[in-house]
């Protein structure tokens, strides 16, 4: 690890468990699942699936003009960013906004607005679409809307690497600050793909878990012998990253220090994971952080609940951590909040940060029948108190992009936590 140190000073979230990071983390520790039956509709059809949807209509607090201009994917990002900035105690009026950047990830962008446009053109036979369709659906819309909201003129970056999009965004934000291109970066991810056509496309890949009759909330069961797929979630997670010395100088509360980033590509198959690619990304993140494998106490696994992913990731963890793998707390919180795809990496990094802050690790819910091939300590059912010095977050994607992040307790005498 070289260059400037990076503090995490603010958290904001819009999630299936709510919009307060501490309350979300508490629900996860209790093993509470937000997965429910959801009905998705098109103009002349509907179907029922299981998903982890954002509850209520939190976007209604945005001004009407802003809602008209934006897709749900940008609305989630705006709400989470506002809360993250407030949590960080930043006054952007006194900051050099040319030194404040945005680094965001999304997998499918404004897919709801895209589907609405297709409905208008091809089902309803209309000759035109909503005039804001393009600015709603462009992939950089969330980052652009955040910049416009706060007048930010630093680097504005958008990454789309499917399931690792926001992990890549956070890692590149780390590099932006570490190497002096920005002093503050709002980083995270957002996804709002609970739309008829989108979920039909995911379903066609045969990777979505069917509903368990009478137990919809337990439909996603990572590392279980009877696991049979993942569950789509939606929402946004934003972290404020800040150059360490300036964070300390202004008396900021520092949740944790972001210290490591590993990025690799499987180059094996468009949808199937590889032990070598995942292990390489984890090793790169450890090398970048300067932290020994035995000093990682918690790992938030990609843990999708598909047959191939969970075994592959288990083997990759063992390849990197060796004997320490048997002493490492590992969990997949996707069992409760679903797979937020482009926002998954940011949400799961936030969960690692809260594990460091609270010294508790969240569980893998619904782990009643562990797979013998998945033989790590997956913290079944409910969270537990642990001494967490450093945590790793894994994000592995379709297309092969593997992104891994490492955070640790802030080692600054007198720093606020």
Protein backbone atom coordinates (compact mmCIF):
# COMPACT_ATOMS: atom_id res chain seq x y z
CA UNK A 1 0.00 0.00 0.00
CA UNK A 2 1.52 3.32 -1.10
CA UNK A 3 0.20 6.86 -1.33
CA UNK A 4 -2.29 8.71 0.81
CA UNK A 5 -4.48 6.88 3.32
CA UNK A 6 -8.25 6.74 2.83
CA UNK A 7 -10.85 7.06 5.58
CA UNK A 8 -14.51 6.04 5.37
CA UNK A 9 -16.42 8.86 7.03
CA UNK A 10 -20.02 8.58 5.85
CA UNK A 11 -22.61 5.90 5.04
CA UNK A 12 -25.95 6.13 3.27
CA UNK A 13 -28.28 3.39 2.10
CA UNK A 14 -31.62 2.69 0.46
CA UNK A 15 -32.20 -1.03 0.87
CA UNK A 16 -34.82 -3.76 1.25
CA UNK A 17 -34.18 -3.54 5.02
CA UNK A 18 -34.66 0.23 5.17
CA UNK A 19 -32.67 3.42 4.86
CA UNK A 20 -30.70 3.61 8.11
CA UNK A 21 -27.31 1.84 8.02
CA UNK A 22 -27.31 0.97 11.73
CA UNK A 23 -30.87 -0.37 11.59
CA UNK A 24 -30.09 -2.36 8.43
CA UNK A 25 -27.06 -3.90 10.12
CA UNK A 26 -29.08 -4.76 13.24
CA UNK A 27 -31.71 -6.52 11.12
CA UNK A 28 -28.99 -8.52 9.37
CA UNK A 29 -27.46 -9.53 12.71
CA UNK A 30 -30.86 -10.92 13.72
CA UNK A 31 -30.97 -12.96 10.53
CA UNK A 32 -34.02 -11.13 9.19
CA UNK A 33 -34.73 -11.67 5.51
CA UNK A 34 -36.27 -8.95 3.33
CA UNK A 35 -37.05 -11.43 0.55
CA UNK A 36 -40.76 -11.55 -0.27
CA UNK A 37 -43.21 -12.42 -3.03
CA UNK A 38 -43.30 -9.64 -5.62
CA UNK A 39 -45.65 -9.19 -8.58
CA UNK A 40 -44.09 -7.67 -11.70
CA UNK A 41 -46.29 -6.37 -14.50
CA UNK A 42 -46.07 -5.40 -18.14
CA UNK A 43 -48.82 -3.79 -20.22
CA UNK A 44 -50.70 -7.06 -20.67
CA UNK A 45 -49.10 -9.63 -18.39
CA UNK A 46 -47.82 -10.19 -14.88
CA UNK A 47 -45.93 -12.81 -12.93
CA UNK A 48 -45.03 -13.50 -9.32
CA UNK A 49 -41.45 -14.02 -8.20
CA UNK A 50 -39.41 -13.68 -5.01
CA UNK A 51 -37.23 -10.61 -4.62
CA UNK A 52 -35.90 -8.15 -2.08
CA UNK A 53 -37.61 -4.88 -2.93
CA UNK A 54 -37.23 -1.44 -1.37
CA UNK A 55 -40.24 -0.91 0.84
CA UNK A 56 -42.52 2.12 0.58
CA UNK A 57 -41.83 5.00 -1.80
CA UNK A 58 -38.80 6.82 -0.37
CA UNK A 59 -38.23 8.66 -3.66
CA UNK A 60 -41.33 10.77 -3.03
CA UNK A 61 -39.24 13.08 -0.82
CA UNK A 62 -37.38 14.24 -3.94
CA UNK A 63 -38.74 17.33 -5.72
CA UNK A 64 -41.24 16.46 -8.44
CA UNK A 65 -39.08 18.01 -11.15
CA UNK A 66 -36.17 15.79 -10.14
CA UNK A 67 -38.38 12.70 -10.15
CA UNK A 68 -39.59 13.50 -13.67
CA UNK A 69 -36.00 13.74 -14.93
CA UNK A 70 -34.73 10.54 -13.30
CA UNK A 71 -35.22 6.80 -13.28
CA UNK A 72 -35.61 4.96 -9.99
CA UNK A 73 -31.94 3.95 -10.24
CA UNK A 74 -30.85 7.61 -9.95
CA UNK A 75 -33.44 8.37 -7.29
CA UNK A 76 -32.02 5.67 -5.02
CA UNK A 77 -28.51 7.03 -5.61
CA UNK A 78 -29.56 10.60 -4.77
CA UNK A 79 -31.25 9.54 -1.54
CA UNK A 80 -28.33 7.41 -0.34
CA UNK A 81 -25.81 10.13 -1.26
CA UNK A 82 -27.69 12.76 0.72
CA UNK A 83 -27.66 10.57 3.81
CA UNK A 84 -23.99 9.65 3.37
CA UNK A 85 -22.93 13.29 3.13
CA UNK A 86 -25.02 14.16 6.17
CA UNK A 87 -23.54 11.24 8.08
CA UNK A 88 -20.02 12.41 7.18
CA UNK A 89 -20.76 15.90 8.50
CA UNK A 90 -19.36 17.46 5.33
CA UNK A 91 -20.18 21.06 4.45
CA UNK A 92 -19.65 21.20 0.71
CA UNK A 93 -20.08 24.97 0.77
CA UNK A 94 -16.56 25.27 2.21
CA UNK A 95 -14.95 22.48 0.18
CA UNK A 96 -13.07 22.82 -3.09
CA UNK A 97 -15.61 21.01 -5.23
CA UNK A 98 -13.02 20.42 -7.93
CA UNK A 99 -11.45 18.00 -5.42
CA UNK A 100 -14.69 16.11 -4.71
CA UNK A 101 -15.50 13.24 -7.06
CA UNK A 102 -18.12 10.57 -7.66
CA UNK A 103 -17.38 6.93 -8.49
CA UNK A 104 -20.46 4.79 -9.04
CA UNK A 105 -21.48 1.37 -10.28
CA UNK A 106 -24.62 -0.02 -11.86
CA UNK A 107 -25.35 -3.14 -13.88
CA UNK A 108 -28.47 -2.26 -15.84
CA UNK A 109 -28.85 1.49 -15.41
CA UNK A 110 -32.32 2.94 -15.93
CA UNK A 111 -33.91 -0.32 -17.03
CA UNK A 112 -37.38 0.67 -15.77
CA UNK A 113 -37.42 3.70 -18.07
CA UNK A 114 -36.04 1.58 -20.91
CA UNK A 115 -38.87 -0.91 -20.53
CA UNK A 116 -41.43 1.90 -20.35
CA UNK A 117 -40.10 3.29 -23.64
CA UNK A 118 -40.36 -0.15 -25.29
CA UNK A 119 -43.91 -0.52 -24.00
CA UNK A 120 -44.85 2.86 -25.49
CA UNK A 121 -43.28 2.15 -28.87
CA UNK A 122 -43.90 -1.53 -29.48
CA UNK A 123 -47.00 -2.41 -27.45
CA UNK A 124 -48.97 0.81 -27.35
CA UNK A 125 -47.94 1.88 -30.86
CA UNK A 126 -47.00 5.39 -29.80
CA UNK A 127 -44.83 7.41 -32.18
CA UNK A 128 -42.63 8.96 -29.50
CA UNK A 129 -41.29 8.22 -26.03
CA UNK A 130 -40.92 10.34 -22.92
CA UNK A 131 -38.51 13.18 -23.79
CA UNK A 132 -36.37 12.39 -20.73
CA UNK A 133 -35.89 8.73 -21.68
CA UNK A 134 -32.27 9.14 -22.76
CA UNK A 135 -31.15 11.08 -19.68
CA UNK A 136 -33.00 8.63 -17.44
CA UNK A 137 -31.46 5.53 -18.99
CA UNK A 138 -27.83 6.50 -19.64
CA UNK A 139 -25.57 4.52 -17.34
CA UNK A 140 -23.82 7.57 -15.95
CA UNK A 141 -27.11 9.20 -14.94
CA UNK A 142 -26.78 8.40 -11.19
CA UNK A 143 -23.27 9.85 -10.97
CA UNK A 144 -24.26 12.83 -13.11
CA UNK A 145 -27.33 13.57 -10.98
CA UNK A 146 -25.23 13.48 -7.79
CA UNK A 147 -22.72 15.89 -9.32
CA UNK A 148 -25.50 18.23 -10.41
CA UNK A 149 -27.19 18.07 -7.02
CA UNK A 150 -24.07 19.19 -5.15
CA UNK A 151 -22.11 21.07 -7.81
CA UNK A 152 -19.26 18.54 -7.74
CA UNK A 153 -16.56 19.12 -10.34
CA UNK A 154 -14.03 16.41 -9.51
CA UNK A 155 -13.70 13.09 -11.36
CA UNK A 156 -17.08 11.55 -12.20
CA UNK A 157 -16.79 7.88 -13.08
CA UNK A 158 -19.30 5.13 -13.81
CA UNK A 159 -18.48 1.42 -13.91
CA UNK A 160 -20.64 -1.40 -15.23
CA UNK A 161 -19.14 -4.83 -14.61
CA UNK A 162 -22.41 -6.54 -13.69
CA UNK A 163 -22.24 -7.98 -10.16
CA UNK A 164 -18.92 -6.30 -9.24
CA UNK A 165 -19.77 -2.82 -10.57
CA UNK A 166 -19.83 -0.92 -7.28
CA UNK A 167 -16.89 -2.84 -5.83
CA UNK A 168 -14.86 -1.68 -8.83
CA UNK A 169 -16.22 1.84 -8.27
CA UNK A 170 -15.06 1.81 -4.65
CA UNK A 171 -11.67 0.41 -5.55
CA UNK A 172 -11.11 3.03 -8.22
CA UNK A 173 -12.26 5.73 -5.77
CA UNK A 174 -9.61 4.47 -3.35
CA UNK A 175 -7.02 4.93 -6.08
CA UNK A 176 -8.32 8.41 -6.93
CA UNK A 177 -7.67 9.60 -3.38
CA UNK A 178 -4.57 7.53 -2.76
CA UNK A 179 -2.82 9.00 -5.80
CA UNK A 180 -4.01 12.57 -5.34
CA UNK A 181 -6.66 13.01 -8.02
CA UNK A 182 -9.34 13.83 -5.44
CA UNK A 183 -9.63 14.50 -1.70
CA UNK A 184 -13.20 13.24 -1.23
CA UNK A 185 -15.13 10.72 -3.32
CA UNK A 186 -18.74 9.65 -2.99
CA UNK A 187 -18.62 6.03 -4.06
CA UNK A 188 -21.23 3.33 -4.24
CA UNK A 189 -23.71 1.61 -6.45
CA UNK A 190 -27.36 1.63 -7.35
CA UNK A 191 -29.73 -0.83 -8.95
CA UNK A 192 -33.45 -0.78 -9.73
CA UNK A 193 -34.01 -3.75 -12.00
CA UNK A 194 -37.21 -5.16 -10.53
CA UNK A 195 -39.01 -4.71 -13.84
CA UNK A 196 -40.92 -7.30 -15.85
CA UNK A 197 -38.53 -7.75 -18.78
CA UNK A 198 -35.38 -7.44 -16.72
CA UNK A 199 -36.32 -10.17 -14.26
CA UNK A 200 -37.58 -12.35 -17.11
CA UNK A 201 -34.09 -12.08 -18.64
CA UNK A 202 -32.39 -13.08 -15.37
CA UNK A 203 -34.87 -15.92 -14.99
CA UNK A 204 -34.06 -17.20 -18.48
CA UNK A 205 -30.50 -17.87 -17.31
CA UNK A 206 -31.98 -20.31 -14.76
CA UNK A 207 -30.06 -18.80 -11.86
CA UNK A 208 -32.97 -17.33 -9.89
CA UNK A 209 -34.22 -19.25 -6.88
CA UNK A 210 -37.85 -20.37 -6.98
CA UNK A 211 -40.08 -19.55 -4.06
CA UNK A 212 -40.13 -22.01 -1.19
CA UNK A 213 -43.85 -22.59 -0.53
CA UNK A 214 -44.77 -20.94 2.73
CA UNK A 215 -41.18 -19.68 3.26
CA UNK A 216 -40.55 -17.11 0.57
CA UNK A 217 -38.09 -15.29 2.83
CA UNK A 218 -35.78 -18.35 2.86
CA UNK A 219 -35.62 -18.77 -0.91
CA UNK A 220 -31.94 -17.73 -1.13
CA UNK A 221 -29.82 -20.25 0.81
CA UNK A 222 -26.07 -19.76 0.15
CA UNK A 223 -23.77 -22.65 1.07
CA UNK A 224 -26.72 -24.98 1.75
CA UNK A 225 -26.84 -28.41 0.16
CA UNK A 226 -30.34 -27.57 -1.13
CA UNK A 227 -29.50 -24.12 -2.54
CA UNK A 228 -30.90 -23.54 -6.00
CA UNK A 229 -30.36 -19.95 -7.02
CA UNK A 230 -30.05 -16.32 -6.13
CA UNK A 231 -32.71 -13.68 -5.46
CA UNK A 232 -32.67 -10.22 -7.03
CA UNK A 233 -32.63 -7.19 -4.74
CA UNK A 234 -32.69 -3.43 -5.33
CA UNK A 235 -31.44 -0.25 -3.72
CA UNK A 236 -28.32 1.87 -3.35
CA UNK A 237 -25.39 2.18 -0.98
CA UNK A 238 -22.99 5.13 -0.78
CA UNK A 239 -19.79 5.57 1.21
CA UNK A 240 -17.92 8.83 1.66
CA UNK A 241 -14.19 8.26 1.18
CA UNK A 242 -11.87 10.97 2.38
CA UNK A 243 -8.13 11.54 2.54
CA UNK A 244 -7.16 10.50 6.05
CA UNK A 245 -5.25 13.57 7.24
CA UNK A 246 -8.01 15.99 6.25
CA UNK A 247 -10.64 13.75 7.88
CA UNK A 248 -8.68 13.77 11.14
CA UNK A 249 -8.05 17.52 10.91
CA UNK A 250 -11.77 18.31 10.69
CA UNK A 251 -12.61 15.91 13.51
CA UNK A 252 -14.59 13.53 11.37
CA UNK A 253 -15.89 10.23 12.72
CA UNK A 254 -13.93 7.52 10.94
CA UNK A 255 -15.75 4.22 10.55
CA UNK A 256 -12.79 2.38 9.08
CA UNK A 257 -9.86 2.71 6.72
CA UNK A 258 -10.11 1.38 3.16
CA UNK A 259 -6.75 -0.20 2.50
CA UNK A 260 -6.91 -2.80 -0.25
CA UNK A 261 -8.29 -3.38 -3.74
CA UNK A 262 -7.78 -6.35 -6.03
CA UNK A 263 -9.10 -6.53 -9.58
CA UNK A 264 -8.78 -9.51 -11.90
CA UNK A 265 -10.64 -11.30 -14.68
CA UNK A 266 -11.46 -14.99 -14.89
CA UNK A 267 -11.36 -15.16 -18.69
CA UNK A 268 -12.87 -18.64 -18.47
CA UNK A 269 -16.62 -18.36 -19.17
CA UNK A 270 -19.13 -15.53 -19.55
CA UNK A 271 -21.24 -16.71 -16.58
CA UNK A 272 -19.28 -19.42 -14.74
CA UNK A 273 -16.77 -18.51 -12.02
CA UNK A 274 -13.20 -19.72 -11.66
CA UNK A 275 -11.19 -20.51 -8.54
CA UNK A 276 -8.03 -19.03 -10.05
CA UNK A 277 -9.61 -15.68 -10.97
CA UNK A 278 -11.28 -15.24 -7.60
CA UNK A 279 -8.18 -16.27 -5.67
CA UNK A 280 -6.01 -13.92 -7.72
CA UNK A 281 -8.28 -10.94 -6.94
CA UNK A 282 -8.26 -11.77 -3.21
CA UNK A 283 -4.48 -12.10 -3.17
CA UNK A 284 -4.09 -8.79 -5.03
CA UNK A 285 -6.31 -7.07 -2.44
CA UNK A 286 -4.25 -8.50 0.41
CA UNK A 287 -1.00 -7.47 -1.27
CA UNK A 288 -2.36 -3.98 -1.87
CA UNK A 289 -3.47 -3.64 1.76
CA UNK A 290 -0.27 -4.93 3.32
CA UNK A 291 -2.39 -7.09 5.62
CA UNK A 292 -1.54 -10.73 6.26
CA UNK A 293 -4.23 -13.33 5.54
CA UNK A 294 -4.32 -14.33 9.22
CA UNK A 295 -5.23 -10.76 10.19
CA UNK A 296 -8.51 -10.84 8.22
CA UNK A 297 -11.22 -11.76 10.73
CA UNK A 298 -14.37 -11.44 8.59
CA UNK A 299 -15.11 -12.04 4.92
CA UNK A 300 -18.36 -11.01 3.28
CA UNK A 301 -18.65 -13.60 0.52
CA UNK A 302 -20.11 -13.07 -2.91
CA UNK A 303 -22.23 -16.07 -1.90
CA UNK A 304 -25.02 -15.95 -4.46
CA UNK A 305 -26.70 -19.23 -3.54
CA UNK A 306 -26.07 -20.85 -6.93
CA UNK A 307 -24.59 -24.34 -7.03
CA UNK A 308 -21.37 -23.48 -8.84
CA UNK A 309 -20.58 -20.09 -7.26
CA UNK A 310 -20.65 -21.17 -3.63
CA UNK A 311 -18.33 -24.16 -4.07
CA UNK A 312 -15.97 -22.17 -6.30
CA UNK A 313 -15.73 -19.32 -3.81
CA UNK A 314 -15.14 -21.71 -0.92
CA UNK A 315 -12.22 -23.28 -2.79
CA UNK A 316 -10.82 -19.87 -3.71
CA UNK A 317 -10.94 -18.72 -0.07
CA UNK A 318 -9.10 -21.86 0.99
CA UNK A 319 -6.50 -21.34 -1.74
CA UNK A 320 -5.73 -17.82 -0.47
CA UNK A 321 -6.10 -18.20 3.30
CA UNK A 322 -4.69 -21.70 3.79
CA UNK A 323 -5.01 -22.90 7.39
CA UNK A 324 -6.46 -19.56 8.48
CA UNK A 325 -9.56 -20.31 6.39
CA UNK A 326 -10.73 -22.54 9.26
CA UNK A 327 -10.57 -19.59 11.67
CA UNK A 328 -12.18 -17.03 9.35
CA UNK A 329 -15.79 -15.90 9.83
CA UNK A 330 -17.48 -15.92 6.41
CA UNK A 331 -21.05 -15.01 5.57
CA UNK A 332 -23.30 -14.25 2.64
CA UNK A 333 -25.73 -11.50 3.55
CA UNK A 334 -27.38 -11.96 0.15
CA UNK A 335 -29.40 -14.61 1.98
CA UNK A 336 -31.29 -11.68 3.53
CA UNK A 337 -31.02 -8.60 1.28
CA UNK A 338 -30.85 -10.44 -2.03
CA UNK A 339 -28.39 -9.76 -4.82
CA UNK A 340 -28.31 -6.03 -5.53
CA UNK A 341 -26.14 -6.74 -8.59
CA UNK A 342 -24.52 -3.39 -9.48
CA UNK A 343 -25.07 -2.12 -5.92
CA UNK A 344 -24.07 -5.37 -4.20
CA UNK A 345 -20.38 -4.56 -3.75
CA UNK A 346 -21.06 -1.20 -2.12
CA UNK A 347 -23.73 -2.56 0.22
CA UNK A 348 -21.53 -5.47 1.25
CA UNK A 349 -18.51 -3.21 1.78
CA UNK A 350 -20.74 -1.09 4.02
CA UNK A 351 -21.69 -4.22 5.96
CA UNK A 352 -17.98 -4.99 6.44
CA UNK A 353 -17.40 -1.43 7.67
CA UNK A 354 -20.23 -1.81 10.19
CA UNK A 355 -18.82 -5.16 11.30
CA UNK A 356 -15.55 -3.37 12.03
CA UNK A 357 -17.35 -0.55 13.80
CA UNK A 358 -19.63 -2.74 15.94
CA UNK A 359 -17.35 -5.78 16.38
CA UNK A 360 -20.14 -8.09 15.30
CA UNK A 361 -20.36 -10.20 12.14
CA UNK A 362 -23.62 -10.85 10.30
CA UNK A 363 -24.81 -14.37 9.52
CA UNK A 364 -25.64 -16.50 6.54
CA UNK A 365 -29.37 -16.95 7.04
CA UNK A 366 -31.30 -20.18 6.33
CA UNK A 367 -28.17 -22.35 6.59
CA UNK A 368 -30.00 -25.39 7.96
CA UNK A 369 -28.29 -28.01 5.77
CA UNK A 370 -24.68 -27.04 4.97
CA UNK A 371 -23.11 -28.42 1.82
CA UNK A 372 -20.14 -30.65 2.78
CA UNK A 373 -18.18 -29.06 -0.08
CA UNK A 374 -18.78 -25.64 1.51
CA UNK A 375 -16.84 -26.31 4.68
CA UNK A 376 -15.99 -22.90 6.16
CA UNK A 377 -17.42 -21.08 9.19
CA UNK A 378 -20.40 -19.41 7.55
CA UNK A 379 -21.89 -17.96 10.77
CA UNK A 380 -25.28 -19.68 10.42
CA UNK A 381 -28.64 -18.11 11.26
CA UNK A 382 -27.73 -15.13 13.51
CA UNK A 383 -24.77 -12.81 13.92
CA UNK A 384 -22.19 -13.06 16.66
CA UNK A 385 -19.69 -10.89 18.47
CA UNK A 386 -16.18 -11.14 16.98
CA UNK A 387 -12.92 -9.26 17.31
CA UNK A 388 -12.74 -7.85 13.78
CA UNK A 389 -9.45 -6.15 12.94
CA UNK A 390 -9.83 -6.29 9.18
CA UNK A 391 -12.55 -7.41 6.77
CA UNK A 392 -12.68 -8.46 3.13
CA UNK A 393 -15.57 -8.07 0.69
CA UNK A 394 -15.77 -10.27 -2.42
CA UNK A 395 -17.64 -9.33 -5.60
CA UNK A 396 -17.50 -11.69 -8.57
CA UNK A 397 -19.29 -10.92 -11.81
CA UNK A 398 -20.71 -12.28 -15.01
CA UNK A 399 -18.08 -11.53 -17.61
CA UNK A 400 -15.39 -12.55 -15.14
CA UNK A 401 -14.55 -9.28 -13.40
CA UNK A 402 -13.54 -10.14 -9.84
CA UNK A 403 -13.19 -7.20 -7.43
CA UNK A 404 -12.13 -7.54 -3.80
CA UNK A 405 -11.92 -4.81 -1.14
CA UNK A 406 -10.21 -4.79 2.25
CA UNK A 407 -11.02 -2.44 5.13
CA UNK A 408 -9.52 -2.31 8.61
CA UNK A 409 -10.02 -0.58 11.91
CA UNK A 410 -8.63 2.92 11.84
CA UNK A 411 -5.26 2.97 13.59
CA UNK A 412 -5.06 6.67 14.48
CA UNK A 413 -4.64 7.68 18.13
CA UNK A 414 -7.49 9.94 19.17
CA UNK A 415 -9.50 9.46 15.96
CA UNK A 416 -13.29 9.39 16.39
CA UNK A 417 -15.09 6.11 15.75
